[in-house]
Amino acid sequence: MKFRSVSNPVTSAPSGVTPPKRMSMRVAEWLLDSPRLGERPSVKHLAGRLLKQPAREGVVAAQSRLGQLMCRECGNARDRRIGHDLLRQAARAGDHRARLALGEIED
């Protein structure tokens, strides 16, 4: 018995699938923007963890949101400094929210 070869590789991802980096960004933004969920510390912690990898990879929106989260919500100086650096990187890349957040922090 002969098997026909499959023209499309079975292991390739369908074109409509969102890459994991973008999916984690979308989930984190949804969690932070949700009126009821966004105020809970555990949700903010989860959103921060979801934003961490895209921010490291240079996604400007992730750098901006994580920087804002770290500057506003973290109690220690090290995390606030890291958040400030993330905001500075995002502002340099042209993110308007990051520029506004930096202006609020430095005032």
PDB file of N, CA and C in Angstrom:
ATOM      1  N   MET A   1       0.841  -1.167   0.000  1.00  0.00           N
ATOM      2  CA  MET A   1       0.000   0.000   0.000  1.00  0.00           C
ATOM      3  C   MET A   1       0.888   1.233   0.000  1.00  0.00           C
ATOM      4  N   LYS A   2       0.604   2.143  -0.886  1.00  0.00           N
ATOM      5  CA  LYS A   2       1.376   3.387  -0.965  1.00  0.00           C
ATOM      6  C   LYS A   2       0.604   4.507  -0.270  1.00  0.00           C
ATOM      7  N   PHE A   3       1.368   5.341   0.424  1.00  0.00           N
ATOM      8  CA  PHE A   3       0.772   6.504   1.053  1.00  0.00           C
ATOM      9  C   PHE A   3       1.128   7.732   0.235  1.00  0.00           C
ATOM     10  N   ARG A   4       0.169   8.551   0.087  1.00  0.00           N
ATOM     11  CA  ARG A   4       0.429   9.798  -0.638  1.00  0.00           C
ATOM     12  C   ARG A   4       1.155  10.761   0.293  1.00  0.00           C
ATOM     13  N   SER A   5       2.073  11.465  -0.285  1.00  0.00           N
ATOM     14  CA  SER A   5       2.775  12.449   0.532  1.00  0.00           C
ATOM     15  C   SER A   5       1.897  13.674   0.709  1.00  0.00           C
ATOM     16  N   VAL A   6       2.011  14.266   1.868  1.00  0.00           N
ATOM     17  CA  VAL A   6       1.227  15.459   2.175  1.00  0.00           C
ATOM     18  C   VAL A   6       1.989  16.665   1.654  1.00  0.00           C
ATOM     19  N   SER A   7       1.299  17.499   0.880  1.00  0.00           N
ATOM     20  CA  SER A   7       1.977  18.654   0.296  1.00  0.00           C
ATOM     21  C   SER A   7       2.309  19.711   1.348  1.00  0.00           C
ATOM     22  N   ASN A   8       1.413  19.927   2.294  1.00  0.00           N
ATOM     23  CA  ASN A   8       1.671  20.894   3.368  1.00  0.00           C
ATOM     24  C   ASN A   8       2.220  20.143   4.570  1.00  0.00           C
ATOM     25  N   PRO A   9       3.311  20.610   5.131  1.00  0.00           N
ATOM     26  CA  PRO A   9       3.839  19.926   6.309  1.00  0.00           C
ATOM     27  C   PRO A   9       2.836  19.972   7.458  1.00  0.00           C
ATOM     28  N   VAL A  10       2.684  18.881   8.115  1.00  0.00           N
ATOM     29  CA  VAL A  10       1.723  18.770   9.200  1.00  0.00           C
ATOM     30  C   VAL A  10       2.162  19.603  10.393  1.00  0.00           C
ATOM     31  N   THR A  11       3.441  19.760  10.574  1.00  0.00           N
ATOM     32  CA  THR A  11       3.948  20.463  11.750  1.00  0.00           C
ATOM     33  C   THR A  11       3.917  21.984  11.615  1.00  0.00           C
ATOM     34  N   SER A  12       3.675  22.507  10.440  1.00  0.00           N
ATOM     35  CA  SER A  12       3.676  23.967  10.291  1.00  0.00           C
ATOM     36  C   SER A  12       2.421  24.554  10.920  1.00  0.00           C
ATOM     37  N   ALA A  13       2.561  25.715  11.509  1.00  0.00           N
ATOM     38  CA  ALA A  13       1.445  26.384  12.164  1.00  0.00           C
ATOM     39  C   ALA A  13       0.546  27.015  11.110  1.00  0.00           C
ATOM     40  N   PRO A  14      -0.763  26.966  11.320  1.00  0.00           N
ATOM     41  CA  PRO A  14      -1.675  27.638  10.393  1.00  0.00           C
ATOM     42  C   PRO A  14      -1.421  29.139  10.385  1.00  0.00           C
ATOM     43  N   SER A  15      -1.712  29.762   9.279  1.00  0.00           N
ATOM     44  CA  SER A  15      -1.400  31.191   9.135  1.00  0.00           C
ATOM     45  C   SER A  15      -2.243  32.068  10.051  1.00  0.00           C
ATOM     46  N   GLY A  16      -3.390  31.603  10.516  1.00  0.00           N
ATOM     47  CA  GLY A  16      -4.261  32.414  11.358  1.00  0.00           C
ATOM     48  C   GLY A  16      -3.911  32.370  12.831  1.00  0.00           C
ATOM     49  N   VAL A  17      -2.906  31.615  13.216  1.00  0.00           N
ATOM     50  CA  VAL A  17      -2.543  31.481  14.625  1.00  0.00           C
ATOM     51  C   VAL A  17      -1.689  32.667  15.051  1.00  0.00           C
ATOM     52  N   THR A  18      -2.037  33.250  16.184  1.00  0.00           N
ATOM     53  CA  THR A  18      -1.283  34.374  16.728  1.00  0.00           C
ATOM     54  C   THR A  18      -0.021  33.855  17.398  1.00  0.00           C
ATOM     55  N   PRO A  19       1.133  34.442  17.109  1.00  0.00           N
ATOM     56  CA  PRO A  19       2.366  34.012  17.775  1.00  0.00           C
ATOM     57  C   PRO A  19       2.248  34.183  19.289  1.00  0.00           C
ATOM     58  N   PRO A  20       2.929  33.346  20.075  1.00  0.00           N
ATOM     59  CA  PRO A  20       2.813  33.409  21.533  1.00  0.00           C
ATOM     60  C   PRO A  20       3.157  34.770  22.116  1.00  0.00           C
ATOM     61  N   LYS A  21       4.141  35.467  21.547  1.00  0.00           N
ATOM     62  CA  LYS A  21       4.540  36.774  22.070  1.00  0.00           C
ATOM     63  C   LYS A  21       3.373  37.752  21.995  1.00  0.00           C
ATOM     64  N   ARG A  22       2.707  37.781  20.855  1.00  0.00           N
ATOM     65  CA  ARG A  22       1.577  38.700  20.686  1.00  0.00           C
ATOM     66  C   ARG A  22       0.400  38.282  21.545  1.00  0.00           C
ATOM     67  N   MET A  23       0.215  36.970  21.698  1.00  0.00           N
ATOM     68  CA  MET A  23      -0.900  36.492  22.507  1.00  0.00           C
ATOM     69  C   MET A  23      -0.706  36.889  23.965  1.00  0.00           C
ATOM     70  N   SER A  24       0.500  36.723  24.489  1.00  0.00           N
ATOM     71  CA  SER A  24       0.737  37.095  25.880  1.00  0.00           C
ATOM     72  C   SER A  24       0.577  38.601  26.079  1.00  0.00           C
ATOM     73  N   MET A  25       0.969  39.374  25.080  1.00  0.00           N
ATOM     74  CA  MET A  25       0.783  40.833  25.146  1.00  0.00           C
ATOM     75  C   MET A  25      -0.704  41.176  25.217  1.00  0.00           C
ATOM     76  N   ARG A  26      -1.482  40.533  24.369  1.00  0.00           N
ATOM     77  CA  ARG A  26      -2.913  40.828  24.323  1.00  0.00           C
ATOM     78  C   ARG A  26      -3.599  40.442  25.623  1.00  0.00           C
ATOM     79  N   VAL A  27      -3.234  39.294  26.161  1.00  0.00           N
ATOM     80  CA  VAL A  27      -3.831  38.845  27.425  1.00  0.00           C
ATOM     81  C   VAL A  27      -3.432  39.799  28.552  1.00  0.00           C
ATOM     82  N   ALA A  28      -2.174  40.183  28.615  1.00  0.00           N
ATOM     83  CA  ALA A  28      -1.714  41.096  29.664  1.00  0.00           C
ATOM     84  C   ALA A  28      -2.419  42.440  29.565  1.00  0.00           C
ATOM     85  N   GLU A  29      -2.545  42.976  28.370  1.00  0.00           N
ATOM     86  CA  GLU A  29      -3.233  44.259  28.204  1.00  0.00           C
ATOM     87  C   GLU A  29      -4.701  44.143  28.576  1.00  0.00           C
ATOM     88  N   TRP A  30      -5.323  43.019  28.210  1.00  0.00           N
ATOM     89  CA  TRP A  30      -6.719  42.815  28.566  1.00  0.00           C
ATOM     90  C   TRP A  30      -6.876  42.752  30.084  1.00  0.00           C
ATOM     91  N   LEU A  31      -5.984  42.039  30.756  1.00  0.00           N
ATOM     92  CA  LEU A  31      -6.056  41.939  32.210  1.00  0.00           C
ATOM     93  C   LEU A  31      -5.881  43.299  32.874  1.00  0.00           C
ATOM     94  N   LEU A  32      -4.898  44.068  32.410  1.00  0.00           N
ATOM     95  CA  LEU A  32      -4.634  45.374  33.031  1.00  0.00           C
ATOM     96  C   LEU A  32      -5.734  46.384  32.728  1.00  0.00           C
ATOM     97  N   ASP A  33      -6.348  46.287  31.557  1.00  0.00           N
ATOM     98  CA  ASP A  33      -7.385  47.243  31.168  1.00  0.00           C
ATOM     99  C   ASP A  33      -8.774  46.869  31.675  1.00  0.00           C
ATOM    100  N   SER A  34      -8.926  45.659  32.175  1.00  0.00           N
ATOM    101  CA  SER A  34     -10.213  45.216  32.702  1.00  0.00           C
ATOM    102  C   SER A  34     -10.502  45.961  34.003  1.00  0.00           C
ATOM    103  N   PRO A  35     -11.657  46.623  34.085  1.00  0.00           N
ATOM    104  CA  PRO A  35     -11.929  47.439  35.278  1.00  0.00           C
ATOM    105  C   PRO A  35     -11.947  46.631  36.575  1.00  0.00           C
ATOM    106  N   ARG A  36     -12.532  45.456  36.554  1.00  0.00           N
ATOM    107  CA  ARG A  36     -12.650  44.689  37.772  1.00  0.00           C
ATOM    108  C   ARG A  36     -11.371  43.915  38.083  1.00  0.00           C
ATOM    109  N   LEU A  37     -10.766  43.335  37.077  1.00  0.00           N
ATOM    110  CA  LEU A  37      -9.582  42.515  37.295  1.00  0.00           C
ATOM    111  C   LEU A  37      -8.308  43.334  37.469  1.00  0.00           C
ATOM    112  N   GLY A  38      -8.208  44.450  36.772  1.00  0.00           N
ATOM    113  CA  GLY A  38      -6.978  45.227  36.730  1.00  0.00           C
ATOM    114  C   GLY A  38      -6.506  45.792  38.041  1.00  0.00           C
ATOM    115  N   GLU A  39      -7.357  45.814  39.057  1.00  0.00           N
ATOM    116  CA  GLU A  39      -6.980  46.394  40.343  1.00  0.00           C
ATOM    117  C   GLU A  39      -6.405  45.362  41.317  1.00  0.00           C
ATOM    118  N   ARG A  40      -6.531  44.081  40.992  1.00  0.00           N
ATOM    119  CA  ARG A  40      -6.082  43.039  41.910  1.00  0.00           C
ATOM    120  C   ARG A  40      -4.568  42.824  41.787  1.00  0.00           C
ATOM    121  N   PRO A  41      -3.870  42.768  42.905  1.00  0.00           N
ATOM    122  CA  PRO A  41      -2.414  42.580  42.863  1.00  0.00           C
ATOM    123  C   PRO A  41      -1.983  41.294  42.162  1.00  0.00           C
ATOM    124  N   SER A  42      -2.730  40.220  42.332  1.00  0.00           N
ATOM    125  CA  SER A  42      -2.357  38.961  41.687  1.00  0.00           C
ATOM    126  C   SER A  42      -2.482  39.048  40.171  1.00  0.00           C
ATOM    127  N   VAL A  43      -3.453  39.806  39.698  1.00  0.00           N
ATOM    128  CA  VAL A  43      -3.636  39.990  38.251  1.00  0.00           C
ATOM    129  C   VAL A  43      -2.511  40.862  37.698  1.00  0.00           C
ATOM    130  N   LYS A  44      -2.132  41.882  38.437  1.00  0.00           N
ATOM    131  CA  LYS A  44      -1.022  42.731  38.004  1.00  0.00           C
ATOM    132  C   LYS A  44       0.272  41.934  37.948  1.00  0.00           C
ATOM    133  N   HIS A  45       0.453  41.050  38.902  1.00  0.00           N
ATOM    134  CA  HIS A  45       1.651  40.203  38.922  1.00  0.00           C
ATOM    135  C   HIS A  45       1.669  39.283  37.696  1.00  0.00           C
ATOM    136  N   LEU A  46       0.534  38.668  37.393  1.00  0.00           N
ATOM    137  CA  LEU A  46       0.441  37.795  36.225  1.00  0.00           C
ATOM    138  C   LEU A  46       0.680  38.577  34.935  1.00  0.00           C
ATOM    139  N   ALA A  47       0.077  39.757  34.824  1.00  0.00           N
ATOM    140  CA  ALA A  47       0.269  40.587  33.630  1.00  0.00           C
ATOM    141  C   ALA A  47       1.733  40.987  33.479  1.00  0.00           C
ATOM    142  N   GLY A  48       2.383  41.298  34.582  1.00  0.00           N
ATOM    143  CA  GLY A  48       3.804  41.640  34.534  1.00  0.00           C
ATOM    144  C   GLY A  48       4.649  40.484  34.038  1.00  0.00           C
ATOM    145  N   ARG A  49       4.311  39.285  34.478  1.00  0.00           N
ATOM    146  CA  ARG A  49       5.052  38.105  34.013  1.00  0.00           C
ATOM    147  C   ARG A  49       4.826  37.860  32.530  1.00  0.00           C
ATOM    148  N   LEU A  50       3.599  38.125  32.053  1.00  0.00           N
ATOM    149  CA  LEU A  50       3.304  37.951  30.628  1.00  0.00           C
ATOM    150  C   LEU A  50       4.018  38.991  29.766  1.00  0.00           C
ATOM    151  N   LEU A  51       4.225  40.174  30.309  1.00  0.00           N
ATOM    152  CA  LEU A  51       4.870  41.256  29.556  1.00  0.00           C
ATOM    153  C   LEU A  51       6.392  41.165  29.577  1.00  0.00           C
ATOM    154  N   LYS A  52       6.932  40.408  30.493  1.00  0.00           N
ATOM    155  CA  LYS A  52       8.375  40.384  30.706  1.00  0.00           C
ATOM    156  C   LYS A  52       9.162  39.946  29.473  1.00  0.00           C
ATOM    157  N   GLN A  53       8.800  38.821  28.875  1.00  0.00           N
ATOM    158  CA  GLN A  53       9.561  38.310  27.735  1.00  0.00           C
ATOM    159  C   GLN A  53       9.449  39.213  26.505  1.00  0.00           C
ATOM    160  N   PRO A  54       8.226  39.664  26.129  1.00  0.00           N
ATOM    161  CA  PRO A  54       8.171  40.596  24.988  1.00  0.00           C
ATOM    162  C   PRO A  54       8.952  41.884  25.237  1.00  0.00           C
ATOM    163  N   ALA A  55       8.957  42.366  26.472  1.00  0.00           N
ATOM    164  CA  ALA A  55       9.725  43.578  26.785  1.00  0.00           C
ATOM    165  C   ALA A  55      11.214  43.337  26.610  1.00  0.00           C
ATOM    166  N   ARG A  56      11.684  42.161  27.012  1.00  0.00           N
ATOM    167  CA  ARG A  56      13.096  41.827  26.823  1.00  0.00           C
ATOM    168  C   ARG A  56      13.464  41.730  25.352  1.00  0.00           C
ATOM    169  N   GLU A  57      12.497  41.292  24.536  1.00  0.00           N
ATOM    170  CA  GLU A  57      12.743  41.134  23.104  1.00  0.00           C
ATOM    171  C   GLU A  57      12.615  42.451  22.340  1.00  0.00           C
ATOM    172  N   GLY A  58      12.279  43.526  23.037  1.00  0.00           N
ATOM    173  CA  GLY A  58      12.254  44.833  22.410  1.00  0.00           C
ATOM    174  C   GLY A  58      10.907  45.299  21.907  1.00  0.00           C
ATOM    175  N   VAL A  59       9.826  44.645  22.310  1.00  0.00           N
ATOM    176  CA  VAL A  59       8.488  45.094  21.916  1.00  0.00           C
ATOM    177  C   VAL A  59       8.183  46.360  22.716  1.00  0.00           C
ATOM    178  N   VAL A  60       8.026  47.459  22.001  1.00  0.00           N
ATOM    179  CA  VAL A  60       7.907  48.776  22.638  1.00  0.00           C
ATOM    180  C   VAL A  60       6.673  48.867  23.529  1.00  0.00           C
ATOM    181  N   ALA A  61       5.537  48.351  23.068  1.00  0.00           N
ATOM    182  CA  ALA A  61       4.314  48.411  23.868  1.00  0.00           C
ATOM    183  C   ALA A  61       4.478  47.637  25.175  1.00  0.00           C
ATOM    184  N   ALA A  62       5.163  46.512  25.124  1.00  0.00           N
ATOM    185  CA  ALA A  62       5.402  45.720  26.339  1.00  0.00           C
ATOM    186  C   ALA A  62       6.343  46.460  27.286  1.00  0.00           C
ATOM    187  N   GLN A  63       7.356  47.103  26.735  1.00  0.00           N
ATOM    188  CA  GLN A  63       8.273  47.879  27.569  1.00  0.00           C
ATOM    189  C   GLN A  63       7.530  49.009  28.270  1.00  0.00           C
ATOM    190  N   SER A  64       6.650  49.661  27.544  1.00  0.00           N
ATOM    191  CA  SER A  64       5.906  50.773  28.108  1.00  0.00           C
ATOM    192  C   SER A  64       4.974  50.315  29.230  1.00  0.00           C
ATOM    193  N   ARG A  65       4.164  49.281  28.960  1.00  0.00           N
ATOM    194  CA  ARG A  65       3.211  48.822  29.961  1.00  0.00           C
ATOM    195  C   ARG A  65       3.906  48.233  31.186  1.00  0.00           C
ATOM    196  N   LEU A  66       4.956  47.433  30.969  1.00  0.00           N
ATOM    197  CA  LEU A  66       5.674  46.844  32.095  1.00  0.00           C
ATOM    198  C   LEU A  66       6.403  47.916  32.893  1.00  0.00           C
ATOM    199  N   GLY A  67       6.968  48.892  32.213  1.00  0.00           N
ATOM    200  CA  GLY A  67       7.631  49.986  32.904  1.00  0.00           C
ATOM    201  C   GLY A  67       6.670  50.772  33.779  1.00  0.00           C
ATOM    202  N   GLN A  68       5.492  51.065  33.255  1.00  0.00           N
ATOM    203  CA  GLN A  68       4.479  51.772  34.043  1.00  0.00           C
ATOM    204  C   GLN A  68       4.059  50.951  35.250  1.00  0.00           C
ATOM    205  N   LEU A  69       3.855  49.663  35.016  1.00  0.00           N
ATOM    206  CA  LEU A  69       3.433  48.773  36.088  1.00  0.00           C
ATOM    207  C   LEU A  69       4.489  48.701  37.184  1.00  0.00           C
ATOM    208  N   MET A  70       5.743  48.588  36.785  1.00  0.00           N
ATOM    209  CA  MET A  70       6.821  48.474  37.778  1.00  0.00           C
ATOM    210  C   MET A  70       7.030  49.781  38.540  1.00  0.00           C
ATOM    211  N   CYS A  71       6.906  50.900  37.862  1.00  0.00           N
ATOM    212  CA  CYS A  71       7.101  52.182  38.546  1.00  0.00           C
ATOM    213  C   CYS A  71       5.972  52.485  39.522  1.00  0.00           C
ATOM    214  N   ARG A  72       4.772  52.080  39.190  1.00  0.00           N
ATOM    215  CA  ARG A  72       3.619  52.417  40.034  1.00  0.00           C
ATOM    216  C   ARG A  72       3.356  51.402  41.133  1.00  0.00           C
ATOM    217  N   GLU A  73       3.607  50.138  40.857  1.00  0.00           N
ATOM    218  CA  GLU A  73       3.157  49.087  41.763  1.00  0.00           C
ATOM    219  C   GLU A  73       4.246  48.450  42.603  1.00  0.00           C
ATOM    220  N   CYS A  74       5.492  48.578  42.221  1.00  0.00           N
ATOM    221  CA  CYS A  74       6.557  47.884  42.955  1.00  0.00           C
ATOM    222  C   CYS A  74       7.042  48.742  44.108  1.00  0.00           C
ATOM    223  N   GLY A  75       7.311  48.074  45.216  1.00  0.00           N
ATOM    224  CA  GLY A  75       7.710  48.798  46.408  1.00  0.00           C
ATOM    225  C   GLY A  75       9.199  49.013  46.552  1.00  0.00           C
ATOM    226  N   ASN A  76      10.010  48.241  45.847  1.00  0.00           N
ATOM    227  CA  ASN A  76      11.452  48.407  46.077  1.00  0.00           C
ATOM    228  C   ASN A  76      12.103  49.251  44.980  1.00  0.00           C
ATOM    229  N   ALA A  77      13.210  49.817  45.322  1.00  0.00           N
ATOM    230  CA  ALA A  77      13.901  50.759  44.436  1.00  0.00           C
ATOM    231  C   ALA A  77      14.446  50.080  43.180  1.00  0.00           C
ATOM    232  N   ARG A  78      14.885  48.840  43.317  1.00  0.00           N
ATOM    233  CA  ARG A  78      15.447  48.128  42.163  1.00  0.00           C
ATOM    234  C   ARG A  78      14.398  47.962  41.063  1.00  0.00           C
ATOM    235  N   ASP A  79      13.195  47.521  41.434  1.00  0.00           N
ATOM    236  CA  ASP A  79      12.136  47.333  40.437  1.00  0.00           C
ATOM    237  C   ASP A  79      11.695  48.663  39.826  1.00  0.00           C
ATOM    238  N   ARG A  80      11.646  49.706  40.648  1.00  0.00           N
ATOM    239  CA  ARG A  80      11.290  51.029  40.100  1.00  0.00           C
ATOM    240  C   ARG A  80      12.350  51.520  39.116  1.00  0.00           C
ATOM    241  N   ARG A  81      13.619  51.238  39.410  1.00  0.00           N
ATOM    242  CA  ARG A  81      14.704  51.628  38.499  1.00  0.00           C
ATOM    243  C   ARG A  81      14.589  50.870  37.175  1.00  0.00           C
ATOM    244  N   ILE A  82      14.309  49.570  37.246  1.00  0.00           N
ATOM    245  CA  ILE A  82      14.128  48.776  36.030  1.00  0.00           C
ATOM    246  C   ILE A  82      12.933  49.290  35.235  1.00  0.00           C
ATOM    247  N   GLY A  83      11.850  49.610  35.924  1.00  0.00           N
ATOM    248  CA  GLY A  83      10.671  50.168  35.262  1.00  0.00           C
ATOM    249  C   GLY A  83      10.974  51.490  34.585  1.00  0.00           C
ATOM    250  N   HIS A  84      11.754  52.311  35.250  1.00  0.00           N
ATOM    251  CA  HIS A  84      12.153  53.602  34.688  1.00  0.00           C
ATOM    252  C   HIS A  84      12.991  53.398  33.430  1.00  0.00           C
ATOM    253  N   ASP A  85      13.904  52.428  33.458  1.00  0.00           N
ATOM    254  CA  ASP A  85      14.719  52.122  32.279  1.00  0.00           C
ATOM    255  C   ASP A  85      13.859  51.624  31.119  1.00  0.00           C
ATOM    256  N   LEU A  86      12.873  50.779  31.426  1.00  0.00           N
ATOM    257  CA  LEU A  86      11.972  50.295  30.381  1.00  0.00           C
ATOM    258  C   LEU A  86      11.179  51.442  29.767  1.00  0.00           C
ATOM    259  N   LEU A  87      10.702  52.341  30.606  1.00  0.00           N
ATOM    260  CA  LEU A  87       9.966  53.506  30.097  1.00  0.00           C
ATOM    261  C   LEU A  87      10.864  54.387  29.231  1.00  0.00           C
ATOM    262  N   ARG A  88      12.098  54.550  29.649  1.00  0.00           N
ATOM    263  CA  ARG A  88      13.037  55.360  28.872  1.00  0.00           C
ATOM    264  C   ARG A  88      13.284  54.736  27.491  1.00  0.00           C
ATOM    265  N   GLN A  89      13.444  53.412  27.445  1.00  0.00           N
ATOM    266  CA  GLN A  89      13.640  52.724  26.162  1.00  0.00           C
ATOM    267  C   GLN A  89      12.419  52.877  25.259  1.00  0.00           C
ATOM    268  N   ALA A  90      11.233  52.713  25.839  1.00  0.00           N
ATOM    269  CA  ALA A  90      10.010  52.839  25.049  1.00  0.00           C
ATOM    270  C   ALA A  90       9.812  54.268  24.564  1.00  0.00           C
ATOM    271  N   ALA A  91      10.136  55.241  25.412  1.00  0.00           N
ATOM    272  CA  ALA A  91      10.002  56.644  25.006  1.00  0.00           C
ATOM    273  C   ALA A  91      10.976  56.974  23.884  1.00  0.00           C
ATOM    274  N   ARG A  92      12.190  56.440  23.957  1.00  0.00           N
ATOM    275  CA  ARG A  92      13.170  56.642  22.885  1.00  0.00           C
ATOM    276  C   ARG A  92      12.686  56.057  21.571  1.00  0.00           C
ATOM    277  N   ALA A  93      11.913  54.975  21.661  1.00  0.00           N
ATOM    278  CA  ALA A  93      11.382  54.330  20.457  1.00  0.00           C
ATOM    279  C   ALA A  93      10.136  55.030  19.943  1.00  0.00           C
ATOM    280  N   GLY A  94       9.650  56.046  20.664  1.00  0.00           N
ATOM    281  CA  GLY A  94       8.535  56.845  20.187  1.00  0.00           C
ATOM    282  C   GLY A  94       7.192  56.564  20.829  1.00  0.00           C
ATOM    283  N   ASP A  95       7.154  55.850  21.939  1.00  0.00           N
ATOM    284  CA  ASP A  95       5.887  55.543  22.596  1.00  0.00           C
ATOM    285  C   ASP A  95       5.404  56.744  23.398  1.00  0.00           C
ATOM    286  N   HIS A  96       4.209  57.215  23.065  1.00  0.00           N
ATOM    287  CA  HIS A  96       3.657  58.414  23.693  1.00  0.00           C
ATOM    288  C   HIS A  96       3.322  58.180  25.164  1.00  0.00           C
ATOM    289  N   ARG A  97       2.729  57.014  25.475  1.00  0.00           N
ATOM    290  CA  ARG A  97       2.385  56.710  26.870  1.00  0.00           C
ATOM    291  C   ARG A  97       3.624  56.708  27.763  1.00  0.00           C
ATOM    292  N   ALA A  98       4.708  56.165  27.242  1.00  0.00           N
ATOM    293  CA  ALA A  98       5.946  56.103  28.017  1.00  0.00           C
ATOM    294  C   ALA A  98       6.486  57.508  28.281  1.00  0.00           C
ATOM    295  N   ARG A  99       6.394  58.375  27.284  1.00  0.00           N
ATOM    296  CA  ARG A  99       6.844  59.763  27.486  1.00  0.00           C
ATOM    297  C   ARG A  99       6.034  60.452  28.568  1.00  0.00           C
ATOM    298  N   LEU A 100       4.712  60.245  28.536  1.00  0.00           N
ATOM    299  CA  LEU A 100       3.855  60.848  29.562  1.00  0.00           C
ATOM    300  C   LEU A 100       4.184  60.291  30.943  1.00  0.00           C
ATOM    301  N   ALA A 101       4.375  58.979  31.030  1.00  0.00           N
ATOM    302  CA  ALA A 101       4.690  58.360  32.311  1.00  0.00           C
ATOM    303  C   ALA A 101       6.025  58.854  32.838  1.00  0.00           C
ATOM    304  N   LEU A 102       7.001  59.015  31.966  1.00  0.00           N
ATOM    305  CA  LEU A 102       8.299  59.552  32.400  1.00  0.00           C
ATOM    306  C   LEU A 102       8.153  60.978  32.914  1.00  0.00           C
ATOM    307  N   GLY A 103       7.326  61.753  32.248  1.00  0.00           N
ATOM    308  CA  GLY A 103       7.087  63.128  32.689  1.00  0.00           C
ATOM    309  C   GLY A 103       6.465  63.174  34.074  1.00  0.00           C
ATOM    310  N   GLU A 104       5.550  62.248  34.354  1.00  0.00           N
ATOM    311  CA  GLU A 104       4.909  62.193  35.678  1.00  0.00           C
ATOM    312  C   GLU A 104       5.900  61.767  36.742  1.00  0.00           C
ATOM    313  N   ILE A 105       6.774  60.839  36.409  1.00  0.00           N
ATOM    314  CA  ILE A 105       7.736  60.320  37.385  1.00  0.00           C
ATOM    315  C   ILE A 105       8.775  61.376  37.745  1.00  0.00           C
ATOM    316  N   GLU A 106       9.252  62.081  36.726  1.00  0.00           N
ATOM    317  CA  GLU A 106      10.347  63.042  36.943  1.00  0.00           C
ATOM    318  C   GLU A 106       9.875  64.367  37.531  1.00  0.00           C
ATOM    319  N   ASP A 107       8.576  64.603  37.530  1.00  0.00           N
ATOM    320  CA  ASP A 107       8.075  65.865  38.091  1.00  0.00           C
ATOM    321  C   ASP A 107       8.043  65.848  39.595  1.00  0.00           C
TER     322      ASP A 107
END
